[in-house]
């Protein structure tokens, strides 16, 4: 891997770029000085399509000037901006620097909008129409891709309106989730549970915890095997928010409902990731977005 971390490739790219520019000038010089023996009618003898003849005329002056201007421009550009390997250019421009400057400019422009929200609690913001209008736009731009525009989620993506929280639904926990992200892992547990029949028995026991239709005989046989799952979900199956382990007794199914869905979960496992938003949103934006998300599951009529 040392070949990819040394300065060789920087020099290689710089040299190749410079040689290419010089080669363009050489090509122009050769094209302008090379004389082709022409016939009496000033043609080269090349004929296409029966009657299309190549004339022995010099390159148009406007084309030559434009070619030279292009080469000169490339050299000036290479001096001002990063072009030749690791050389940063006289102006010191970089895409990272430009992005940072633009972000700072935007944050400065929107700071007055968020200034009023800074001292308000999530509960206060959830009842503030202007704050929720801002929160809705933040949600649509950053969260709706996974959780849906109505925040009701989909298979593998939690519903944010029902009050059922994997990691907890307090504003402080929601803010931590948005800021730092979450990674939830359900490891494949079929080998620990036992045979394929044992896995199905456990599936029916899990269904029984939420009062879902199940086979009582299989559920009875699966209860002892559920001890393997209890390490995360608890003996009562009510989950563990400290680990992001779902409550299996409330009838809310993140990865699908039914025997086959549970068998698939136990056999193959799952890995869910909620990406951290701290790199995209500033603290004030996360504060408003936290309030918006919290408010969706704490509206009148919401189930908690």
Protein backbone atom coordinates (compact mmCIF):
# COMPACT_ATOMS: atom_id res chain seq x y z
CA UNK A 1 0.00 0.00 0.00
CA UNK A 2 3.03 2.30 0.26
CA UNK A 3 2.71 3.03 -3.47
CA UNK A 4 -0.60 4.76 -2.76
CA UNK A 5 0.61 6.85 0.18
CA UNK A 6 3.94 8.11 -1.20
CA UNK A 7 4.45 11.28 -3.26
CA UNK A 8 5.13 9.29 -6.43
CA UNK A 9 1.56 9.52 -7.68
CA UNK A 10 1.45 13.25 -7.03
CA UNK A 11 4.53 13.77 -9.19
CA UNK A 12 3.19 11.32 -11.75
CA UNK A 13 -0.11 13.19 -12.11
CA UNK A 14 1.62 16.58 -12.16
CA UNK A 15 4.10 15.45 -14.80
CA UNK A 16 1.44 13.80 -16.93
CA UNK A 17 -0.75 16.92 -16.80
CA UNK A 18 2.11 19.25 -17.73
CA UNK A 19 3.32 16.96 -20.53
CA UNK A 20 -0.23 16.85 -21.93
CA UNK A 21 -0.43 20.65 -22.04
CA UNK A 22 2.98 20.97 -23.70
CA UNK A 23 2.05 18.21 -26.16
CA UNK A 24 -0.92 20.32 -27.28
CA UNK A 25 1.43 23.16 -28.21
CA UNK A 26 3.78 20.77 -30.02
CA UNK A 27 0.84 19.35 -31.93
CA UNK A 28 -0.21 22.83 -32.98
CA UNK A 29 3.33 23.73 -34.05
CA UNK A 30 3.76 20.52 -36.05
CA UNK A 31 0.37 20.98 -37.71
CA UNK A 32 1.22 24.55 -38.68
CA UNK A 33 4.72 23.92 -40.02
CA UNK A 34 4.32 20.58 -41.76
CA UNK A 35 3.95 21.03 -45.49
CA UNK A 36 1.93 18.55 -47.48
CA UNK A 37 2.70 18.28 -51.16
CA UNK A 38 -0.43 19.42 -52.91
CA UNK A 39 -1.68 18.93 -56.43
CA UNK A 40 -2.24 21.68 -58.90
CA UNK A 41 -5.84 22.07 -57.67
CA UNK A 42 -4.59 22.52 -54.04
CA UNK A 43 -5.94 19.16 -52.88
CA UNK A 44 -4.05 16.45 -51.00
CA UNK A 45 -5.41 13.57 -53.06
CA UNK A 46 -7.65 12.27 -50.27
CA UNK A 47 -11.18 11.64 -51.52
CA UNK A 48 -14.25 10.47 -49.55
CA UNK A 49 -17.71 9.52 -50.76
CA UNK A 50 -16.63 9.75 -54.34
CA UNK A 51 -16.27 13.51 -54.70
CA UNK A 52 -15.37 14.94 -51.27
CA UNK A 53 -11.77 16.15 -51.59
CA UNK A 54 -9.41 17.34 -48.84
CA UNK A 55 -7.97 20.77 -49.51
CA UNK A 56 -4.42 21.71 -48.50
CA UNK A 57 -5.40 24.91 -46.65
CA UNK A 58 -3.73 26.16 -43.45
CA UNK A 59 -5.57 26.10 -40.14
CA UNK A 60 -7.90 29.10 -39.70
CA UNK A 61 -6.19 31.83 -37.69
CA UNK A 62 -9.16 32.18 -35.30
CA UNK A 63 -8.92 28.45 -34.54
CA UNK A 64 -5.16 28.68 -33.91
CA UNK A 65 -5.59 31.70 -31.60
CA UNK A 66 -8.40 29.94 -29.71
CA UNK A 67 -6.22 26.85 -29.32
CA UNK A 68 -3.33 28.91 -27.92
CA UNK A 69 -5.66 30.81 -25.57
CA UNK A 70 -6.99 27.47 -24.27
CA UNK A 71 -3.48 26.20 -23.54
CA UNK A 72 -2.47 29.47 -21.85
CA UNK A 73 -5.66 29.40 -19.79
CA UNK A 74 -4.89 25.86 -18.63
CA UNK A 75 -1.44 26.93 -17.44
CA UNK A 76 -2.82 29.95 -15.57
CA UNK A 77 -5.56 27.80 -14.05
CA UNK A 78 -2.92 25.26 -12.97
CA UNK A 79 -0.99 27.98 -11.15
CA UNK A 80 -4.05 29.39 -9.38
CA UNK A 81 -5.93 26.18 -8.52
CA UNK A 82 -5.00 22.58 -7.54
CA UNK A 83 -4.08 20.94 -10.84
CA UNK A 84 -0.58 19.53 -10.66
CA UNK A 85 -0.62 16.69 -8.14
CA UNK A 86 -0.42 17.89 -4.52
CA UNK A 87 0.23 21.49 -5.51
CA UNK A 88 -2.58 23.53 -3.89
CA UNK A 89 -2.40 26.56 -6.15
CA UNK A 90 -1.66 30.21 -5.37
CA UNK A 91 -5.25 30.86 -4.24
CA UNK A 92 -5.26 27.88 -1.86
CA UNK A 93 -8.73 26.87 -3.02
CA UNK A 94 -10.24 23.49 -2.12
CA UNK A 95 -13.70 21.99 -2.38
CA UNK A 96 -13.62 21.33 1.37
CA UNK A 97 -12.75 24.93 2.10
CA UNK A 98 -15.46 26.23 -0.20
CA UNK A 99 -18.04 23.90 1.39
CA UNK A 100 -17.03 25.04 4.88
CA UNK A 101 -17.29 28.69 3.87
CA UNK A 102 -20.71 28.20 2.27
CA UNK A 103 -22.01 26.32 5.31
CA UNK A 104 -20.77 29.10 7.59
CA UNK A 105 -22.45 31.68 5.37
CA UNK A 106 -25.77 29.83 5.45
CA UNK A 107 -25.60 29.27 9.22
CA UNK A 108 -24.94 32.97 9.75
CA UNK A 109 -27.96 33.81 7.60
CA UNK A 110 -30.33 31.44 9.42
CA UNK A 111 -29.03 32.17 12.95
CA UNK A 112 -31.69 34.86 13.59
CA UNK A 113 -34.42 32.36 12.74
CA UNK A 114 -33.26 29.88 15.37
CA UNK A 115 -32.33 32.49 17.99
CA UNK A 116 -35.92 32.59 19.29
CA UNK A 117 -36.05 28.79 19.65
CA UNK A 118 -32.80 28.32 21.58
CA UNK A 119 -34.19 29.05 25.03
CA UNK A 120 -37.43 27.10 24.56
CA UNK A 121 -37.97 23.55 25.79
CA UNK A 122 -38.99 20.78 23.37
CA UNK A 123 -42.45 20.81 24.92
CA UNK A 124 -42.77 24.54 24.26
CA UNK A 125 -41.43 24.23 20.74
CA UNK A 126 -43.85 21.38 19.97
CA UNK A 127 -46.68 23.85 20.52
CA UNK A 128 -45.08 26.69 18.58
CA UNK A 129 -46.35 26.86 14.99
CA UNK A 130 -43.32 28.68 13.46
CA UNK A 131 -40.91 26.25 15.15
CA UNK A 132 -42.87 23.25 13.92
CA UNK A 133 -42.93 24.67 10.39
CA UNK A 134 -39.12 24.81 10.51
CA UNK A 135 -39.00 21.34 12.09
CA UNK A 136 -41.18 19.93 9.33
CA UNK A 137 -38.82 21.20 6.64
CA UNK A 138 -35.84 19.76 8.51
CA UNK A 139 -37.64 16.44 8.79
CA UNK A 140 -38.60 16.37 5.11
CA UNK A 141 -35.03 17.14 4.03
CA UNK A 142 -33.21 14.79 6.38
CA UNK A 143 -35.55 12.12 7.80
CA UNK A 144 -38.43 11.49 5.40
CA UNK A 145 -36.24 9.41 3.06
CA UNK A 146 -36.35 6.58 5.62
CA UNK A 147 -39.27 7.34 7.92
CA UNK A 148 -41.65 8.59 5.23
CA UNK A 149 -43.16 12.04 4.74
CA UNK A 150 -45.84 11.16 7.31
CA UNK A 151 -43.18 9.76 9.73
CA UNK A 152 -45.03 6.43 9.91
CA UNK A 153 -41.99 4.53 8.70
CA UNK A 154 -41.92 1.26 6.79
CA UNK A 155 -40.53 -2.22 7.29
CA UNK A 156 -37.15 -1.76 8.96
CA UNK A 157 -37.75 1.96 9.59
CA UNK A 158 -39.52 2.90 12.84
CA UNK A 159 -42.85 4.69 13.01
CA UNK A 160 -42.19 7.97 14.82
CA UNK A 161 -45.85 8.76 15.51
CA UNK A 162 -46.94 5.82 17.67
CA UNK A 163 -45.00 6.31 20.89
CA UNK A 164 -43.18 2.98 20.56
CA UNK A 165 -39.46 3.76 20.94
CA UNK A 166 -36.53 1.37 20.60
CA UNK A 167 -34.10 3.63 22.48
CA UNK A 168 -36.54 5.82 24.39
CA UNK A 169 -38.81 8.69 23.50
CA UNK A 170 -37.74 11.40 25.95
CA UNK A 171 -36.55 14.60 24.22
CA UNK A 172 -33.02 14.14 25.60
CA UNK A 173 -32.82 10.61 24.18
CA UNK A 174 -34.25 11.68 20.82
CA UNK A 175 -31.67 14.48 20.66
CA UNK A 176 -28.89 11.99 21.41
CA UNK A 177 -30.22 9.69 18.69
CA UNK A 178 -30.28 12.49 16.14
CA UNK A 179 -26.87 13.81 17.15
CA UNK A 180 -24.89 10.58 17.52
CA UNK A 181 -26.95 8.08 15.52
CA UNK A 182 -27.80 4.54 16.56
CA UNK A 183 -26.82 1.06 15.45
CA UNK A 184 -29.16 -1.77 16.40
CA UNK A 185 -28.03 -5.36 15.89
CA UNK A 186 -30.13 -8.51 16.13
CA UNK A 187 -27.56 -11.30 15.72
CA UNK A 188 -28.51 -14.63 14.06
CA UNK A 189 -29.59 -16.81 16.98
CA UNK A 190 -30.84 -19.99 15.29
CA UNK A 191 -27.76 -22.00 16.29
CA UNK A 192 -28.16 -20.97 19.94
CA UNK A 193 -31.90 -21.68 19.97
CA UNK A 194 -31.54 -25.19 18.58
CA UNK A 195 -33.13 -26.99 15.67
CA UNK A 196 -35.29 -25.45 12.95
CA UNK A 197 -38.34 -26.78 14.82
CA UNK A 198 -37.13 -25.06 18.00
CA UNK A 199 -36.86 -21.77 16.11
CA UNK A 200 -40.49 -22.09 14.98
CA UNK A 201 -41.56 -22.87 18.53
CA UNK A 202 -39.83 -19.71 19.74
CA UNK A 203 -41.55 -17.76 16.98
CA UNK A 204 -44.94 -18.91 18.24
CA UNK A 205 -43.97 -18.03 21.80
CA UNK A 206 -42.99 -14.54 20.67
CA UNK A 207 -46.36 -14.21 18.93
CA UNK A 208 -48.09 -15.24 22.14
CA UNK A 209 -46.41 -12.41 24.05
CA UNK A 210 -48.41 -9.83 22.09
CA UNK A 211 -51.60 -11.87 21.97
CA UNK A 212 -51.16 -12.50 18.24
CA UNK A 213 -52.58 -15.66 16.64
CA UNK A 214 -50.26 -18.58 17.43
CA UNK A 215 -50.06 -22.31 18.09
CA UNK A 216 -50.33 -22.76 21.89
CA UNK A 217 -48.53 -26.11 21.82
CA UNK A 218 -45.57 -24.70 19.90
CA UNK A 219 -45.56 -21.60 22.11
CA UNK A 220 -45.39 -23.77 25.23
CA UNK A 221 -42.44 -25.70 23.76
CA UNK A 222 -40.73 -22.48 22.70
CA UNK A 223 -40.90 -20.74 26.07
CA UNK A 224 -37.81 -22.47 27.55
CA UNK A 225 -35.83 -21.74 24.39
CA UNK A 226 -36.76 -18.06 24.64
CA UNK A 227 -34.23 -17.83 27.47
CA UNK A 228 -31.61 -17.30 24.73
CA UNK A 229 -33.52 -14.20 23.58
CA UNK A 230 -34.23 -12.93 27.09
CA UNK A 231 -30.66 -11.67 27.45
CA UNK A 232 -31.68 -8.68 25.30
CA UNK A 233 -35.49 -8.70 25.24
CA UNK A 234 -36.00 -9.64 28.88
CA UNK A 235 -37.81 -12.69 30.27
CA UNK A 236 -41.13 -10.92 29.78
CA UNK A 237 -40.17 -9.87 26.23
CA UNK A 238 -40.67 -6.20 26.98
CA UNK A 239 -37.30 -5.25 25.51
CA UNK A 240 -34.47 -3.07 26.74
CA UNK A 241 -34.22 0.53 25.55
CA UNK A 242 -30.64 0.79 26.78
CA UNK A 243 -29.72 -1.74 24.08
CA UNK A 244 -32.35 -0.80 21.52
CA UNK A 245 -33.94 -4.26 21.95
CA UNK A 246 -37.60 -4.10 20.82
CA UNK A 247 -40.57 -4.78 23.05
CA UNK A 248 -42.00 -8.07 21.72
CA UNK A 249 -45.22 -7.84 23.69
CA UNK A 250 -46.78 -4.65 22.30
CA UNK A 251 -47.81 -5.82 18.82
CA UNK A 252 -45.48 -3.38 17.03
CA UNK A 253 -43.33 -5.17 14.46
CA UNK A 254 -40.41 -3.34 12.87
CA UNK A 255 -39.36 -6.10 10.47
CA UNK A 256 -42.70 -7.69 9.71
CA UNK A 257 -45.32 -9.69 11.59
CA UNK A 258 -45.98 -13.42 11.62
CA UNK A 259 -44.24 -16.74 12.07
CA UNK A 260 -42.09 -16.50 8.94
CA UNK A 261 -40.93 -12.96 9.74
CA UNK A 262 -39.84 -13.98 13.25
CA UNK A 263 -38.15 -17.15 11.99
CA UNK A 264 -36.26 -15.03 9.45
CA UNK A 265 -35.21 -12.60 12.19
CA UNK A 266 -33.97 -15.37 14.47
CA UNK A 267 -32.22 -17.21 11.63
CA UNK A 268 -30.61 -14.33 9.71
CA UNK A 269 -30.63 -11.45 12.17
CA UNK A 270 -30.78 -7.75 11.33
CA UNK A 271 -28.56 -4.68 11.44
CA UNK A 272 -30.31 -1.31 11.52
CA UNK A 273 -28.50 2.01 11.44
CA UNK A 274 -29.73 5.48 12.19
CA UNK A 275 -27.01 7.80 10.81
CA UNK A 276 -25.73 10.64 12.99
CA UNK A 277 -27.03 14.05 11.94
CA UNK A 278 -24.43 16.14 13.79
CA UNK A 279 -22.33 16.45 10.64
CA UNK A 280 -25.29 17.77 8.63
CA UNK A 281 -27.22 19.87 11.14
CA UNK A 282 -26.04 22.32 13.78
CA UNK A 283 -27.10 22.20 17.43
CA UNK A 284 -29.98 24.66 16.96
CA UNK A 285 -31.40 22.69 14.05
CA UNK A 286 -31.18 19.42 15.99
CA UNK A 287 -32.95 21.10 18.92
CA UNK A 288 -35.88 22.09 16.71
CA UNK A 289 -35.93 18.74 14.91
CA UNK A 290 -35.94 16.94 18.28
CA UNK A 291 -38.99 18.90 19.31
CA UNK A 292 -40.74 18.15 16.04
CA UNK A 293 -40.10 14.40 16.31
CA UNK A 294 -41.10 14.33 19.97
CA UNK A 295 -44.26 16.29 19.17
CA UNK A 296 -45.42 13.81 16.55
CA UNK A 297 -45.85 11.05 19.15
CA UNK A 298 -47.17 13.39 21.84
CA UNK A 299 -50.05 14.98 20.01
CA UNK A 300 -53.54 14.59 21.42
CA UNK A 301 -54.72 11.09 20.58
CA UNK A 302 -51.24 9.63 20.11
CA UNK A 303 -50.65 6.24 21.72
CA UNK A 304 -47.95 6.26 24.41
